[in-house]
């Protein structure tokens, strides 16, 4: 469940960074954090070794 929620957040951030008025640098920083959480969640679920 956590993994799917993080994937949804990642998708939203990817879309938001292309919207006018959104600083892509900040969106990229947030995406970096989400990516790290996705890796950790995948490791917890044994999707990655």
C-alpha atoms as a PDB file:
ATOM      1  CA  UNK A   1       0.000   0.000   0.000  1.00  0.00           C
ATOM      2  CA  UNK A   2       2.786   2.431   0.913  1.00  0.00           C
ATOM      3  CA  UNK A   3       4.565   1.660  -2.351  1.00  0.00           C
ATOM      4  CA  UNK A   4       1.459   2.449  -4.410  1.00  0.00           C
ATOM      5  CA  UNK A   5       0.911   5.697  -2.513  1.00  0.00           C
ATOM      6  CA  UNK A   6       4.480   6.745  -3.199  1.00  0.00           C
ATOM      7  CA  UNK A   7       4.111   5.889  -6.896  1.00  0.00           C
ATOM      8  CA  UNK A   8       1.001   8.093  -7.019  1.00  0.00           C
ATOM      9  CA  UNK A   9       2.897  10.935  -5.333  1.00  0.00           C
ATOM     10  CA  UNK A  10       5.733  10.509  -7.821  1.00  0.00           C
ATOM     11  CA  UNK A  11       3.299  10.706 -10.734  1.00  0.00           C
ATOM     12  CA  UNK A  12       1.694  13.878  -9.335  1.00  0.00           C
ATOM     13  CA  UNK A  13       5.064  15.550  -8.791  1.00  0.00           C
ATOM     14  CA  UNK A  14       6.194  14.696 -12.308  1.00  0.00           C
ATOM     15  CA  UNK A  15       3.043  16.309 -13.694  1.00  0.00           C
ATOM     16  CA  UNK A  16       3.245  19.308 -11.352  1.00  0.00           C
ATOM     17  CA  UNK A  17       6.798  20.226 -12.304  1.00  0.00           C
ATOM     18  CA  UNK A  18       5.595  21.027 -15.827  1.00  0.00           C
ATOM     19  CA  UNK A  19       2.829  23.341 -14.624  1.00  0.00           C
ATOM     20  CA  UNK A  20       3.284  27.114 -14.831  1.00  0.00           C
ATOM     21  CA  UNK A  21       4.389  28.724 -11.598  1.00  0.00           C
ATOM     22  CA  UNK A  22       5.991  25.571 -10.212  1.00  0.00           C
ATOM     23  CA  UNK A  23       9.716  25.765  -9.571  1.00  0.00           C
ATOM     24  CA  UNK A  24      11.095  22.586 -11.189  1.00  0.00           C
ATOM     25  CA  UNK A  25      14.089  22.640  -8.846  1.00  0.00           C
ATOM     26  CA  UNK A  26      11.850  22.249  -5.808  1.00  0.00           C
ATOM     27  CA  UNK A  27       9.786  19.577  -7.540  1.00  0.00           C
ATOM     28  CA  UNK A  28      13.007  17.711  -8.351  1.00  0.00           C
ATOM     29  CA  UNK A  29      14.108  17.862  -4.706  1.00  0.00           C
ATOM     30  CA  UNK A  30      10.771  16.424  -3.620  1.00  0.00           C
ATOM     31  CA  UNK A  31      10.992  13.754  -6.312  1.00  0.00           C
ATOM     32  CA  UNK A  32      14.427  12.788  -5.059  1.00  0.00           C
ATOM     33  CA  UNK A  33      12.972  12.171  -1.603  1.00  0.00           C
ATOM     34  CA  UNK A  34      10.050  10.195  -3.006  1.00  0.00           C
ATOM     35  CA  UNK A  35      12.454   8.121  -5.115  1.00  0.00           C
ATOM     36  CA  UNK A  36      14.459   7.242  -2.010  1.00  0.00           C
ATOM     37  CA  UNK A  37      11.296   6.253  -0.158  1.00  0.00           C
ATOM     38  CA  UNK A  38      10.235   4.111  -3.134  1.00  0.00           C
ATOM     39  CA  UNK A  39      13.553   2.283  -3.047  1.00  0.00           C
ATOM     40  CA  UNK A  40      13.211   1.683   0.691  1.00  0.00           C
ATOM     41  CA  UNK A  41       9.619   0.480   0.300  1.00  0.00           C
ATOM     42  CA  UNK A  42      10.625  -1.852  -2.535  1.00  0.00           C
ATOM     43  CA  UNK A  43      13.426  -3.268  -0.407  1.00  0.00           C
ATOM     44  CA  UNK A  44      10.981  -3.819   2.459  1.00  0.00           C
ATOM     45  CA  UNK A  45       8.681  -5.661   0.064  1.00  0.00           C
ATOM     46  CA  UNK A  46      11.661  -7.668  -1.251  1.00  0.00           C
ATOM     47  CA  UNK A  47      11.199  -6.229  -4.755  1.00  0.00           C
ATOM     48  CA  UNK A  48      14.840  -5.116  -4.758  1.00  0.00           C
ATOM     49  CA  UNK A  49      17.872  -6.859  -3.326  1.00  0.00           C
END
